């Protein structure tokens, strides 16, 4: 019993444990005060972007994937699953000089898939009518060629 109490007292005297607890509290506050509101604003702006343009914004998608990876790093740290402190003590996810190949990132392949590393072309949400497609190349082709009936040339 006395040995157990000595062990507890020794653990309480370790400054590294207290420093980690302070970092954990700091990251928890950071998640609540800064990251969560940024994610909510990102969600609203991306939804508006999709509603107005019909496609998502690839830059906002990339930022969302980076934030998801950052939140995961924080959760891993505050749950004692990682000893690495997240940003600002490490690089912010997604902004390293050379991106990792799919499946090589520390946080897993799903973030690579979410970040769209395999496909850089924005996805169109919903189907557009043929009249809504970009016709600038058709108009230029029509100005140079005449199909005889005055209609637009269709590729």
Protein backbone atom coordinates (compact mmCIF):
# COMPACT_ATOMS: atom_id res chain seq x y z
CA UNK A 1 0.00 0.00 0.00
CA UNK A 2 2.82 2.41 0.85
CA UNK A 3 4.54 1.54 -2.44
CA UNK A 4 1.38 2.39 -4.36
CA UNK A 5 1.16 5.78 -2.65
CA UNK A 6 4.82 6.47 -3.40
CA UNK A 7 4.22 5.62 -7.06
CA UNK A 8 1.21 7.96 -7.22
CA UNK A 9 3.18 10.78 -5.59
CA UNK A 10 6.05 10.25 -8.04
CA UNK A 11 3.62 10.34 -10.97
CA UNK A 12 2.06 13.57 -9.71
CA UNK A 13 5.51 15.18 -9.41
CA UNK A 14 6.41 14.53 -13.07
CA UNK A 15 6.33 17.87 -14.84
CA UNK A 16 6.07 16.25 -18.30
CA UNK A 17 2.66 14.82 -17.40
CA UNK A 18 1.38 18.20 -16.27
CA UNK A 19 2.74 19.89 -19.38
CA UNK A 20 0.96 17.35 -21.56
CA UNK A 21 -2.30 17.94 -19.67
CA UNK A 22 -1.94 21.68 -20.33
CA UNK A 23 -1.35 21.02 -24.03
CA UNK A 24 -4.37 18.72 -24.12
CA UNK A 25 -6.56 21.40 -22.56
CA UNK A 26 -5.20 23.97 -25.00
CA UNK A 27 -5.98 21.77 -27.99
CA UNK A 28 -9.46 21.01 -26.65
CA UNK A 29 -10.14 24.75 -26.34
CA UNK A 30 -8.70 25.31 -29.83
CA UNK A 31 -11.11 22.73 -31.24
CA UNK A 32 -14.10 24.31 -29.54
CA UNK A 33 -13.31 28.00 -30.08
CA UNK A 34 -11.59 28.08 -33.48
CA UNK A 35 -11.76 24.86 -35.48
CA UNK A 36 -15.45 24.03 -34.96
CA UNK A 37 -16.67 27.49 -36.09
CA UNK A 38 -14.32 27.37 -39.11
CA UNK A 39 -15.74 23.98 -40.09
CA UNK A 40 -19.30 25.31 -39.75
CA UNK A 41 -18.50 28.34 -41.94
CA UNK A 42 -16.74 26.06 -44.44
CA UNK A 43 -19.81 23.81 -44.55
CA UNK A 44 -22.18 26.74 -45.16
CA UNK A 45 -20.00 28.35 -47.83
CA UNK A 46 -19.48 25.04 -49.64
CA UNK A 47 -23.24 24.32 -49.54
CA UNK A 48 -23.98 27.78 -50.96
CA UNK A 49 -21.34 27.27 -53.61
CA UNK A 50 -22.96 23.98 -54.67
CA UNK A 51 -26.46 25.49 -54.64
CA UNK A 52 -25.43 28.49 -56.73
CA UNK A 53 -22.92 26.99 -59.18
CA UNK A 54 -23.92 23.33 -59.21
CA UNK A 55 -20.39 22.18 -58.36
CA UNK A 56 -18.29 22.20 -55.23
CA UNK A 57 -15.26 24.40 -54.77
CA UNK A 58 -12.13 22.24 -54.94
CA UNK A 59 -10.15 24.65 -52.74
CA UNK A 60 -12.78 24.47 -50.00
CA UNK A 61 -12.87 20.68 -50.36
CA UNK A 62 -9.09 20.55 -49.91
CA UNK A 63 -9.32 22.83 -46.86
CA UNK A 64 -12.05 20.62 -45.40
CA UNK A 65 -9.90 17.52 -45.84
CA UNK A 66 -6.93 19.28 -44.24
CA UNK A 67 -9.09 20.37 -41.30
CA UNK A 68 -10.43 16.83 -40.90
CA UNK A 69 -6.87 15.53 -40.79
CA UNK A 70 -5.92 18.25 -38.28
CA UNK A 71 -8.87 17.38 -36.02
CA UNK A 72 -7.85 13.73 -36.20
CA UNK A 73 -4.30 14.63 -35.17
CA UNK A 74 -5.66 16.58 -32.20
CA UNK A 75 -7.93 13.70 -31.16
CA UNK A 76 -5.03 11.26 -31.40
CA UNK A 77 -2.91 13.52 -29.20
CA UNK A 78 -5.52 14.29 -26.52
CA UNK A 79 -6.54 10.62 -26.29
CA UNK A 80 -2.91 9.49 -25.75
CA UNK A 81 -2.83 7.64 -29.07
CA UNK A 82 0.00 9.84 -30.33
CA UNK A 83 2.90 11.62 -28.71
CA UNK A 84 3.24 14.08 -31.62
CA UNK A 85 1.82 17.50 -30.94
CA UNK A 86 -0.30 18.81 -33.84
CA UNK A 87 0.11 22.21 -35.53
CA UNK A 88 1.73 24.63 -34.60
CA UNK A 89 4.33 22.17 -33.30
CA UNK A 90 4.15 20.14 -36.52
CA UNK A 91 3.26 20.98 -40.11
CA UNK A 92 -0.37 21.70 -40.81
CA UNK A 93 -1.87 18.74 -42.71
CA UNK A 94 -2.03 19.18 -46.45
CA UNK A 95 0.54 21.95 -46.65
CA UNK A 96 3.70 19.87 -46.71
CA UNK A 97 6.07 20.32 -49.65
CA UNK A 98 5.53 16.83 -51.08
CA UNK A 99 2.17 15.13 -50.55
CA UNK A 100 2.20 11.50 -49.45
CA UNK A 101 0.97 8.86 -51.84
CA UNK A 102 -2.46 7.40 -51.15
CA UNK A 103 -2.32 5.16 -48.11
CA UNK A 104 1.05 6.54 -46.93
CA UNK A 105 -0.27 9.36 -44.77
CA UNK A 106 -0.12 8.88 -41.01
CA UNK A 107 -3.86 9.36 -40.68
CA UNK A 108 -4.88 6.85 -43.32
CA UNK A 109 -5.95 6.51 -46.91
CA UNK A 110 -9.46 7.83 -46.29
CA UNK A 111 -8.10 11.39 -45.90
CA UNK A 112 -6.30 11.04 -49.22
CA UNK A 113 -9.58 9.97 -50.80
CA UNK A 114 -11.46 12.84 -49.14
CA UNK A 115 -8.81 15.31 -50.25
CA UNK A 116 -9.29 14.14 -53.81
CA UNK A 117 -5.64 13.30 -54.42
CA UNK A 118 -6.64 10.73 -57.03
CA UNK A 119 -8.97 13.04 -58.93
CA UNK A 120 -8.43 16.76 -59.34
CA UNK A 121 -11.52 17.40 -61.49
CA UNK A 122 -14.43 18.92 -59.55
CA UNK A 123 -17.54 16.79 -59.48
CA UNK A 124 -20.75 18.18 -60.91
CA UNK A 125 -23.68 17.92 -58.55
CA UNK A 126 -26.85 17.00 -60.37
CA UNK A 127 -27.34 16.89 -64.12
CA UNK A 128 -27.29 20.01 -66.20
CA UNK A 129 -29.50 20.51 -69.21
CA UNK A 130 -27.63 20.65 -72.53
CA UNK A 131 -28.48 24.36 -72.79
CA UNK A 132 -26.65 25.03 -69.52
CA UNK A 133 -23.30 23.61 -70.66
CA UNK A 134 -20.49 25.97 -71.51
CA UNK A 135 -20.90 26.82 -75.20
CA UNK A 136 -18.00 29.23 -75.65
CA UNK A 137 -15.98 26.71 -77.69
CA UNK A 138 -19.07 25.97 -79.82
CA UNK A 139 -19.63 29.66 -80.51
CA UNK A 140 -16.01 30.09 -81.59
CA UNK A 141 -16.33 27.06 -83.86
CA UNK A 142 -19.58 28.43 -85.28
CA UNK A 143 -17.95 31.78 -86.06
CA UNK A 144 -15.31 29.98 -88.13
CA UNK A 145 -17.61 27.41 -89.81
CA UNK A 146 -21.08 27.55 -91.23
CA UNK A 147 -23.22 24.43 -91.04
CA UNK A 148 -25.65 25.83 -93.54
CA UNK A 149 -28.73 26.15 -91.33
CA UNK A 150 -27.54 28.93 -89.02
CA UNK A 151 -27.63 26.66 -85.96
CA UNK A 152 -24.91 26.00 -83.47
CA UNK A 153 -22.32 23.40 -84.32
CA UNK A 154 -22.45 20.56 -81.83
CA UNK A 155 -19.34 18.52 -81.11
